[in-house]
Amino acid sequence: QLSFEDTSGNTITSLQPYQVGVIKVTLDTALTSGQTYTI
C-alpha cells in the first residue's frame, strides 16, 4: 500500500541529501475527516 516517488511522480529507490521524496499511502477506507492521526 506504499509507493515511493520523487516530486515529479517518478519512482525512486533512494533520497539524496536535501532531496524531497513522496510517500503515497493507499488505504481502502478513508481516514475520518477532522480527526487527528499520527504517521
ModelCIF file with pLDDT and N, C-alpha, C, O atoms, coordinates in Angstrom:
data_MODEL
#
_entry.id   MODEL 
#
_entity.id                         1 
_entity.type                       polymer 
_entity.pdbx_number_of_molecules   1 
#
_entity_poly.entity_id                      1 
_entity_poly.type                           'polypeptide(L)' 
_entity_poly.nstd_linkage                   no 
_entity_poly.nstd_monomer                   no 
_entity_poly.pdbx_seq_one_letter_code       QLSFEDTSGNTITSLQPYQVGVIKVTLDTALTSGQTYTI 
_entity_poly.pdbx_seq_one_letter_code_can   QLSFEDTSGNTITSLQPYQVGVIKVTLDTALTSGQTYTI 
_entity_poly.pdbx_strand_id                 A 
#
loop_
_entity_poly_seq.entity_id 
_entity_poly_seq.num 
_entity_poly_seq.mon_id 
_entity_poly_seq.hetero 
1 1  GLN n 
1 2  LEU n 
1 3  SER n 
1 4  PHE n 
1 5  GLU n 
1 6  ASP n 
1 7  THR n 
1 8  SER n 
1 9  GLY n 
1 10 ASN n 
1 11 THR n 
1 12 ILE n 
1 13 THR n 
1 14 SER n 
1 15 LEU n 
1 16 GLN n 
1 17 PRO n 
1 18 TYR n 
1 19 GLN n 
1 20 VAL n 
1 21 GLY n 
1 22 VAL n 
1 23 ILE n 
1 24 LYS n 
1 25 VAL n 
1 26 THR n 
1 27 LEU n 
1 28 ASP n 
1 29 THR n 
1 30 ALA n 
1 31 LEU n 
1 32 THR n 
1 33 SER n 
1 34 GLY n 
1 35 GLN n 
1 36 THR n 
1 37 TYR n 
1 38 THR n 
1 39 ILE n 
#
_struct_asym.id          A 
_struct_asym.entity_id   1 
#
loop_
_ma_qa_metric.id 
_ma_qa_metric.mode 
_ma_qa_metric.name 
_ma_qa_metric.software_group_id 
_ma_qa_metric.type 
1 global pLDDT . pLDDT 
2 local  pLDDT . pLDDT 
#
_ma_qa_metric_global.metric_id      1 
_ma_qa_metric_global.metric_value   95.67 
_ma_qa_metric_global.model_id       1 
_ma_qa_metric_global.ordinal_id     1 
#
loop_
_ma_qa_metric_local.label_asym_id 
_ma_qa_metric_local.label_comp_id 
_ma_qa_metric_local.label_seq_id 
_ma_qa_metric_local.metric_id 
_ma_qa_metric_local.metric_value 
_ma_qa_metric_local.model_id 
_ma_qa_metric_local.ordinal_id 
A GLN 1  2 97.00 1 1  
A LEU 2  2 97.00 1 2  
A SER 3  2 96.00 1 3  
A PHE 4  2 97.00 1 4  
A GLU 5  2 96.00 1 5  
A ASP 6  2 95.00 1 6  
A THR 7  2 95.00 1 7  
A SER 8  2 95.00 1 8  
A GLY 9  2 94.00 1 9  
A ASN 10 2 96.00 1 10 
A THR 11 2 95.00 1 11 
A ILE 12 2 96.00 1 12 
A THR 13 2 96.00 1 13 
A SER 14 2 96.00 1 14 
A LEU 15 2 96.00 1 15 
A GLN 16 2 95.00 1 16 
A PRO 17 2 94.00 1 17 
A TYR 18 2 94.00 1 18 
A GLN 19 2 96.00 1 19 
A VAL 20 2 97.00 1 20 
A GLY 21 2 97.00 1 21 
A VAL 22 2 98.00 1 22 
A ILE 23 2 98.00 1 23 
A LYS 24 2 97.00 1 24 
A VAL 25 2 97.00 1 25 
A THR 26 2 96.00 1 26 
A LEU 27 2 95.00 1 27 
A ASP 28 2 93.00 1 28 
A THR 29 2 93.00 1 29 
A ALA 30 2 93.00 1 30 
A LEU 31 2 94.00 1 31 
A THR 32 2 94.00 1 32 
A SER 33 2 93.00 1 33 
A GLY 34 2 94.00 1 34 
A GLN 35 2 97.00 1 35 
A THR 36 2 97.00 1 36 
A TYR 37 2 97.00 1 37 
A THR 38 2 97.00 1 38 
A ILE 39 2 98.00 1 39 
#
loop_
_atom_site.group_PDB 
_atom_site.id 
_atom_site.type_symbol 
_atom_site.label_atom_id 
_atom_site.label_alt_id 
_atom_site.label_comp_id 
_atom_site.label_asym_id 
_atom_site.label_entity_id 
_atom_site.label_seq_id 
_atom_site.pdbx_PDB_ins_code 
_atom_site.Cartn_x 
_atom_site.Cartn_y 
_atom_site.Cartn_z 
_atom_site.occupancy 
_atom_site.B_iso_or_equiv 
_atom_site.pdbx_formal_charge 
_atom_site.auth_seq_id 
_atom_site.auth_comp_id 
_atom_site.auth_asym_id 
_atom_site.auth_atom_id 
_atom_site.pdbx_PDB_model_num 
ATOM 1   N N  . GLN A 1 1  ? 0.812   -1.213 0.000   1.00 97.00 ? 1  GLN A N  1 
ATOM 2   C CA . GLN A 1 1  ? 0.000   0.000  0.000   1.00 97.00 ? 1  GLN A CA 1 
ATOM 3   C C  . GLN A 1 1  ? 0.853   1.274  0.000   1.00 97.00 ? 1  GLN A C  1 
ATOM 4   O O  . GLN A 1 1  ? 0.342   2.371  0.225   1.00 97.00 ? 1  GLN A O  1 
ATOM 5   N N  . LEU A 1 2  ? 2.151   1.119  -0.253  1.00 97.00 ? 2  LEU A N  1 
ATOM 6   C CA . LEU A 1 2  ? 3.070   2.265  -0.261  1.00 97.00 ? 2  LEU A CA 1 
ATOM 7   C C  . LEU A 1 2  ? 3.704   2.409  -1.634  1.00 97.00 ? 2  LEU A C  1 
ATOM 8   O O  . LEU A 1 2  ? 3.977   1.422  -2.316  1.00 97.00 ? 2  LEU A O  1 
ATOM 9   N N  . SER A 1 3  ? 3.934   3.655  -2.027  1.00 96.00 ? 3  SER A N  1 
ATOM 10  C CA . SER A 1 3  ? 4.748   3.913  -3.214  1.00 96.00 ? 3  SER A CA 1 
ATOM 11  C C  . SER A 1 3  ? 5.704   5.047  -2.881  1.00 96.00 ? 3  SER A C  1 
ATOM 12  O O  . SER A 1 3  ? 5.379   5.942  -2.101  1.00 96.00 ? 3  SER A O  1 
ATOM 13  N N  . PHE A 1 4  ? 6.882   4.997  -3.479  1.00 97.00 ? 4  PHE A N  1 
ATOM 14  C CA . PHE A 1 4  ? 7.951   5.952  -3.197  1.00 97.00 ? 4  PHE A CA 1 
ATOM 15  C C  . PHE A 1 4  ? 8.329   6.642  -4.497  1.00 97.00 ? 4  PHE A C  1 
ATOM 16  O O  . PHE A 1 4  ? 8.734   5.991  -5.460  1.00 97.00 ? 4  PHE A O  1 
ATOM 17  N N  . GLU A 1 5  ? 8.195   7.970  -4.520  1.00 96.00 ? 5  GLU A N  1 
ATOM 18  C CA . GLU A 1 5  ? 8.401   8.740  -5.745  1.00 96.00 ? 5  GLU A CA 1 
ATOM 19  C C  . GLU A 1 5  ? 9.196   10.004 -5.460  1.00 96.00 ? 5  GLU A C  1 
ATOM 20  O O  . GLU A 1 5  ? 9.382   10.402 -4.310  1.00 96.00 ? 5  GLU A O  1 
ATOM 21  N N  . ASP A 1 6  ? 9.666   10.632 -6.552  1.00 95.00 ? 6  ASP A N  1 
ATOM 22  C CA . ASP A 1 6  ? 10.210  11.974 -6.411  1.00 95.00 ? 6  ASP A CA 1 
ATOM 23  C C  . ASP A 1 6  ? 9.040   12.949 -6.581  1.00 95.00 ? 6  ASP A C  1 
ATOM 24  O O  . ASP A 1 6  ? 7.906   12.520 -6.795  1.00 95.00 ? 6  ASP A O  1 
ATOM 25  N N  . THR A 1 7  ? 9.302   14.231 -6.489  1.00 95.00 ? 7  THR A N  1 
ATOM 26  C CA . THR A 1 7  ? 8.213   15.211 -6.559  1.00 95.00 ? 7  THR A CA 1 
ATOM 27  C C  . THR A 1 7  ? 7.603   15.311 -7.957  1.00 95.00 ? 7  THR A C  1 
ATOM 28  O O  . THR A 1 7  ? 6.550   15.928 -8.121  1.00 95.00 ? 7  THR A O  1 
ATOM 29  N N  . SER A 1 8  ? 8.239   14.721 -8.963  1.00 95.00 ? 8  SER A N  1 
ATOM 30  C CA . SER A 1 8  ? 7.686   14.707 -10.316 1.00 95.00 ? 8  SER A CA 1 
ATOM 31  C C  . SER A 1 8  ? 6.833   13.476 -10.587 1.00 95.00 ? 8  SER A C  1 
ATOM 32  O O  . SER A 1 8  ? 6.259   13.345 -11.668 1.00 95.00 ? 8  SER A O  1 
ATOM 33  N N  . GLY A 1 9  ? 6.747   12.573 -9.613  1.00 94.00 ? 9  GLY A N  1 
ATOM 34  C CA . GLY A 1 9  ? 5.935   11.374 -9.771  1.00 94.00 ? 9  GLY A CA 1 
ATOM 35  C C  . GLY A 1 9  ? 6.686   10.162 -10.284 1.00 94.00 ? 9  GLY A C  1 
ATOM 36  O O  . GLY A 1 9  ? 6.077   9.127  -10.553 1.00 94.00 ? 9  GLY A O  1 
ATOM 37  N N  . ASN A 1 10 ? 8.015   10.274 -10.425 1.00 96.00 ? 10 ASN A N  1 
ATOM 38  C CA . ASN A 1 10 ? 8.825   9.147  -10.891 1.00 96.00 ? 10 ASN A CA 1 
ATOM 39  C C  . ASN A 1 10 ? 9.204   8.255  -9.712  1.00 96.00 ? 10 ASN A C  1 
ATOM 40  O O  . ASN A 1 10 ? 9.537   8.759  -8.639  1.00 96.00 ? 10 ASN A O  1 
ATOM 41  N N  . THR A 1 11 ? 9.158   6.952  -9.897  1.00 95.00 ? 11 THR A N  1 
ATOM 42  C CA . THR A 1 11 ? 9.553   6.011  -8.849  1.00 95.00 ? 11 THR A CA 1 
ATOM 43  C C  . THR A 1 11 ? 11.048  6.147  -8.590  1.00 95.00 ? 11 THR A C  1 
ATOM 44  O O  . THR A 1 11 ? 11.845  6.188  -9.528  1.00 95.00 ? 11 THR A O  1 
ATOM 45  N N  . ILE A 1 12 ? 11.428  6.216  -7.309  1.00 96.00 ? 12 ILE A N  1 
ATOM 46  C CA . ILE A 1 12 ? 12.840  6.302  -6.939  1.00 96.00 ? 12 ILE A CA 1 
ATOM 47  C C  . ILE A 1 12 ? 13.142  5.264  -5.867  1.00 96.00 ? 12 ILE A C  1 
ATOM 48  O O  . ILE A 1 12 ? 12.237  4.750  -5.210  1.00 96.00 ? 12 ILE A O  1 
ATOM 49  N N  . THR A 1 13 ? 14.442  4.961  -5.697  1.00 96.00 ? 13 THR A N  1 
ATOM 50  C CA . THR A 1 13 ? 14.856  3.973  -4.697  1.00 96.00 ? 13 THR A CA 1 
ATOM 51  C C  . THR A 1 13 ? 15.724  4.561  -3.603  1.00 96.00 ? 13 THR A C  1 
ATOM 52  O O  . THR A 1 13 ? 16.062  3.870  -2.642  1.00 96.00 ? 13 THR A O  1 
ATOM 53  N N  . SER A 1 14 ? 16.096  5.845  -3.739  1.00 96.00 ? 14 SER A N  1 
ATOM 54  C CA . SER A 1 14 ? 16.900  6.484  -2.690  1.00 96.00 ? 14 SER A CA 1 
ATOM 55  C C  . SER A 1 14 ? 16.660  7.984  -2.714  1.00 96.00 ? 14 SER A C  1 
ATOM 56  O O  . SER A 1 14 ? 16.246  8.558  -3.721  1.00 96.00 ? 14 SER A O  1 
ATOM 57  N N  . LEU A 1 15 ? 16.935  8.599  -1.568  1.00 96.00 ? 15 LEU A N  1 
ATOM 58  C CA . LEU A 1 15 ? 16.845  10.051 -1.436  1.00 96.00 ? 15 LEU A CA 1 
ATOM 59  C C  . LEU A 1 15 ? 18.246  10.597 -1.216  1.00 96.00 ? 15 LEU A C  1 
ATOM 60  O O  . LEU A 1 15 ? 18.925  10.220 -0.261  1.00 96.00 ? 15 LEU A O  1 
ATOM 61  N N  . GLN A 1 16 ? 18.668  11.470 -2.086  1.00 95.00 ? 16 GLN A N  1 
ATOM 62  C CA . GLN A 1 16 ? 19.968  12.133 -1.935  1.00 95.00 ? 16 GLN A CA 1 
ATOM 63  C C  . GLN A 1 16 ? 19.852  13.179 -0.818  1.00 95.00 ? 16 GLN A C  1 
ATOM 64  O O  . GLN A 1 16 ? 18.746  13.603 -0.486  1.00 95.00 ? 16 GLN A O  1 
ATOM 65  N N  . PRO A 1 17 ? 20.977  13.597 -0.241  1.00 94.00 ? 17 PRO A N  1 
ATOM 66  C CA . PRO A 1 17 ? 20.909  14.656 0.771   1.00 94.00 ? 17 PRO A CA 1 
ATOM 67  C C  . PRO A 1 17 ? 20.170  15.883 0.229   1.00 94.00 ? 17 PRO A C  1 
ATOM 68  O O  . PRO A 1 17 ? 20.435  16.354 -0.876  1.00 94.00 ? 17 PRO A O  1 
ATOM 69  N N  . TYR A 1 18 ? 19.244  16.379 1.036   1.00 94.00 ? 18 TYR A N  1 
ATOM 70  C CA . TYR A 1 18 ? 18.437  17.584 0.767   1.00 94.00 ? 18 TYR A CA 1 
ATOM 71  C C  . TYR A 1 18 ? 17.396  17.381 -0.325  1.00 94.00 ? 18 TYR A C  1 
ATOM 72  O O  . TYR A 1 18 ? 16.758  18.349 -0.738  1.00 94.00 ? 18 TYR A O  1 
ATOM 73  N N  . GLN A 1 19 ? 17.203  16.170 -0.803  1.00 96.00 ? 19 GLN A N  1 
ATOM 74  C CA . GLN A 1 19 ? 16.182  15.877 -1.803  1.00 96.00 ? 19 GLN A CA 1 
ATOM 75  C C  . GLN A 1 19 ? 14.850  15.598 -1.093  1.00 96.00 ? 19 GLN A C  1 
ATOM 76  O O  . GLN A 1 19 ? 14.825  15.067 0.017   1.00 96.00 ? 19 GLN A O  1 
ATOM 77  N N  . VAL A 1 20 ? 13.753  15.964 -1.749  1.00 97.00 ? 20 VAL A N  1 
ATOM 78  C CA . VAL A 1 20 ? 12.420  15.697 -1.225  1.00 97.00 ? 20 VAL A CA 1 
ATOM 79  C C  . VAL A 1 20 ? 11.836  14.513 -1.978  1.00 97.00 ? 20 VAL A C  1 
ATOM 80  O O  . VAL A 1 20 ? 11.878  14.457 -3.207  1.00 97.00 ? 20 VAL A O  1 
ATOM 81  N N  . GLY A 1 21 ? 11.298  13.579 -1.230  1.00 97.00 ? 21 GLY A N  1 
ATOM 82  C CA . GLY A 1 21 ? 10.629  12.416 -1.805  1.00 97.00 ? 21 GLY A CA 1 
ATOM 83  C C  . GLY A 1 21 ? 9.182   12.378 -1.355  1.00 97.00 ? 21 GLY A C  1 
ATOM 84  O O  . GLY A 1 21 ? 8.786   13.095 -0.436  1.00 97.00 ? 21 GLY A O  1 
ATOM 85  N N  . VAL A 1 22 ? 8.405   11.544 -2.003  1.00 98.00 ? 22 VAL A N  1 
ATOM 86  C CA . VAL A 1 22 ? 6.986   11.433 -1.718  1.00 98.00 ? 22 VAL A CA 1 
ATOM 87  C C  . VAL A 1 22 ? 6.671   9.990  -1.352  1.00 98.00 ? 22 VAL A C  1 
ATOM 88  O O  . VAL A 1 22 ? 7.030   9.057  -2.070  1.00 98.00 ? 22 VAL A O  1 
ATOM 89  N N  . ILE A 1 23 ? 5.995   9.828  -0.223  1.00 98.00 ? 23 ILE A N  1 
ATOM 90  C CA . ILE A 1 23 ? 5.452   8.521  0.146   1.00 98.00 ? 23 ILE A CA 1 
ATOM 91  C C  . ILE A 1 23 ? 3.947   8.620  -0.038  1.00 98.00 ? 23 ILE A C  1 
ATOM 92  O O  . ILE A 1 23 ? 3.283   9.448  0.585   1.00 98.00 ? 23 ILE A O  1 
ATOM 93  N N  . LYS A 1 24 ? 3.418   7.757  -0.907  1.00 97.00 ? 24 LYS A N  1 
ATOM 94  C CA . LYS A 1 24 ? 1.971   7.706  -1.106  1.00 97.00 ? 24 LYS A CA 1 
ATOM 95  C C  . LYS A 1 24 ? 1.440   6.475  -0.389  1.00 97.00 ? 24 LYS A C  1 
ATOM 96  O O  . LYS A 1 24 ? 1.870   5.349  -0.640  1.00 97.00 ? 24 LYS A O  1 
ATOM 97  N N  . VAL A 1 25 ? 0.490   6.722  0.515   1.00 97.00 ? 25 VAL A N  1 
ATOM 98  C CA . VAL A 1 25 ? -0.125  5.671  1.314   1.00 97.00 ? 25 VAL A CA 1 
ATOM 99  C C  . VAL A 1 25 ? -1.537  5.457  0.788   1.00 97.00 ? 25 VAL A C  1 
ATOM 100 O O  . VAL A 1 25 ? -2.364  6.368  0.822   1.00 97.00 ? 25 VAL A O  1 
ATOM 101 N N  . THR A 1 26 ? -1.807  4.257  0.305   1.00 96.00 ? 26 THR A N  1 
ATOM 102 C CA . THR A 1 26 ? -3.122  3.940  -0.248  1.00 96.00 ? 26 THR A CA 1 
ATOM 103 C C  . THR A 1 26 ? -3.896  3.103  0.763   1.00 96.00 ? 26 THR A C  1 
ATOM 104 O O  . THR A 1 26 ? -3.451  2.034  1.179   1.00 96.00 ? 26 THR A O  1 
ATOM 105 N N  . LEU A 1 27 ? -5.073  3.615  1.151   1.00 95.00 ? 27 LEU A N  1 
ATOM 106 C CA . LEU A 1 27 ? -5.932  2.929  2.122   1.00 95.00 ? 27 LEU A CA 1 
ATOM 107 C C  . LEU A 1 27 ? -7.270  2.619  1.481   1.00 95.00 ? 27 LEU A C  1 
ATOM 108 O O  . LEU A 1 27 ? -7.772  3.398  0.671   1.00 95.00 ? 27 LEU A O  1 
ATOM 109 N N  . ASP A 1 28 ? -7.854  1.473  1.845   1.00 93.00 ? 28 ASP A N  1 
ATOM 110 C CA . ASP A 1 28 ? -9.148  1.076  1.298   1.00 93.00 ? 28 ASP A CA 1 
ATOM 111 C C  . ASP A 1 28 ? -10.273 1.973  1.803   1.00 93.00 ? 28 ASP A C  1 
ATOM 112 O O  . ASP A 1 28 ? -11.208 2.285  1.066   1.00 93.00 ? 28 ASP A O  1 
ATOM 113 N N  . THR A 1 29 ? -10.173 2.382  3.061   1.00 93.00 ? 29 THR A N  1 
ATOM 114 C CA . THR A 1 29 ? -11.197 3.269  3.631   1.00 93.00 ? 29 THR A CA 1 
ATOM 115 C C  . THR A 1 29 ? -10.549 4.594  3.996   1.00 93.00 ? 29 THR A C  1 
ATOM 116 O O  . THR A 1 29 ? -9.374  4.648  4.361   1.00 93.00 ? 29 THR A O  1 
ATOM 117 N N  . ALA A 1 30 ? -11.327 5.654  3.894   1.00 93.00 ? 30 ALA A N  1 
ATOM 118 C CA . ALA A 1 30 ? -10.806 6.994  4.177   1.00 93.00 ? 30 ALA A CA 1 
ATOM 119 C C  . ALA A 1 30 ? -10.590 7.181  5.666   1.00 93.00 ? 30 ALA A C  1 
ATOM 120 O O  . ALA A 1 30 ? -11.314 6.620  6.489   1.00 93.00 ? 30 ALA A O  1 
ATOM 121 N N  . LEU A 1 31 ? -9.588  7.974  6.001   1.00 94.00 ? 31 LEU A N  1 
ATOM 122 C CA . LEU A 1 31 ? -9.413  8.390  7.388   1.00 94.00 ? 31 LEU A CA 1 
ATOM 123 C C  . LEU A 1 31 ? -10.557 9.338  7.735   1.00 94.00 ? 31 LEU A C  1 
ATOM 124 O O  . LEU A 1 31 ? -11.014 10.088 6.874   1.00 94.00 ? 31 LEU A O  1 
ATOM 125 N N  . THR A 1 32 ? -11.017 9.316  8.959   1.00 94.00 ? 32 THR A N  1 
ATOM 126 C CA . THR A 1 32 ? -12.148 10.146 9.374   1.00 94.00 ? 32 THR A CA 1 
ATOM 127 C C  . THR A 1 32 ? -11.787 11.619 9.301   1.00 94.00 ? 32 THR A C  1 
ATOM 128 O O  . THR A 1 32 ? -10.846 12.071 9.953   1.00 94.00 ? 32 THR A O  1 
ATOM 129 N N  . SER A 1 33 ? -12.537 12.359 8.508   1.00 93.00 ? 33 SER A N  1 
ATOM 130 C CA . SER A 1 33 ? -12.265 13.771 8.289   1.00 93.00 ? 33 SER A CA 1 
ATOM 131 C C  . SER A 1 33 ? -12.321 14.549 9.603   1.00 93.00 ? 33 SER A C  1 
ATOM 132 O O  . SER A 1 33 ? -13.247 14.383 10.397  1.00 93.00 ? 33 SER A O  1 
ATOM 133 N N  . GLY A 1 34 ? -11.307 15.410 9.822   1.00 94.00 ? 34 GLY A N  1 
ATOM 134 C CA . GLY A 1 34 ? -11.244 16.234 11.022  1.00 94.00 ? 34 GLY A CA 1 
ATOM 135 C C  . GLY A 1 34 ? -10.604 15.552 12.214  1.00 94.00 ? 34 GLY A C  1 
ATOM 136 O O  . GLY A 1 34 ? -10.292 16.218 13.201  1.00 94.00 ? 34 GLY A O  1 
ATOM 137 N N  . GLN A 1 35 ? -10.401 14.257 12.155  1.00 97.00 ? 35 GLN A N  1 
ATOM 138 C CA . GLN A 1 35 ? -9.779  13.525 13.259  1.00 97.00 ? 35 GLN A CA 1 
ATOM 139 C C  . GLN A 1 35 ? -8.265  13.585 13.116  1.00 97.00 ? 35 GLN A C  1 
ATOM 140 O O  . GLN A 1 35 ? -7.744  13.624 12.001  1.00 97.00 ? 35 GLN A O  1 
ATOM 141 N N  . THR A 1 36 ? -7.560  13.591 14.240  1.00 97.00 ? 36 THR A N  1 
ATOM 142 C CA . THR A 1 36 ? -6.098  13.627 14.186  1.00 97.00 ? 36 THR A CA 1 
ATOM 143 C C  . THR A 1 36 ? -5.551  12.211 14.177  1.00 97.00 ? 36 THR A C  1 
ATOM 144 O O  . THR A 1 36 ? -6.079  11.304 14.820  1.00 97.00 ? 36 THR A O  1 
ATOM 145 N N  . TYR A 1 37 ? -4.472  12.057 13.421  1.00 97.00 ? 37 TYR A N  1 
ATOM 146 C CA . TYR A 1 37 ? -3.763  10.783 13.284  1.00 97.00 ? 37 TYR A CA 1 
ATOM 147 C C  . TYR A 1 37 ? -2.274  11.062 13.419  1.00 97.00 ? 37 TYR A C  1 
ATOM 148 O O  . TYR A 1 37 ? -1.832  12.204 13.298  1.00 97.00 ? 37 TYR A O  1 
ATOM 149 N N  . THR A 1 38 ? -1.520  10.026 13.667  1.00 97.00 ? 38 THR A N  1 
ATOM 150 C CA . THR A 1 38 ? -0.064  10.142 13.729  1.00 97.00 ? 38 THR A CA 1 
ATOM 151 C C  . THR A 1 38 ? 0.543   9.209  12.699  1.00 97.00 ? 38 THR A C  1 
ATOM 152 O O  . THR A 1 38 ? 0.274   8.008  12.691  1.00 97.00 ? 38 THR A O  1 
ATOM 153 N N  . ILE A 1 39 ? 1.369   9.780  11.826  1.00 98.00 ? 39 ILE A N  1 
ATOM 154 C CA . ILE A 1 39 ? 2.137   8.949  10.898  1.00 98.00 ? 39 ILE A CA 1 
ATOM 155 C C  . ILE A 1 39 ? 3.556   8.890  11.430  1.00 98.00 ? 39 ILE A C  1 
ATOM 156 O O  . ILE A 1 39 ? 4.415   8.247  10.827  1.00 98.00 ? 39 ILE A O  1 
#
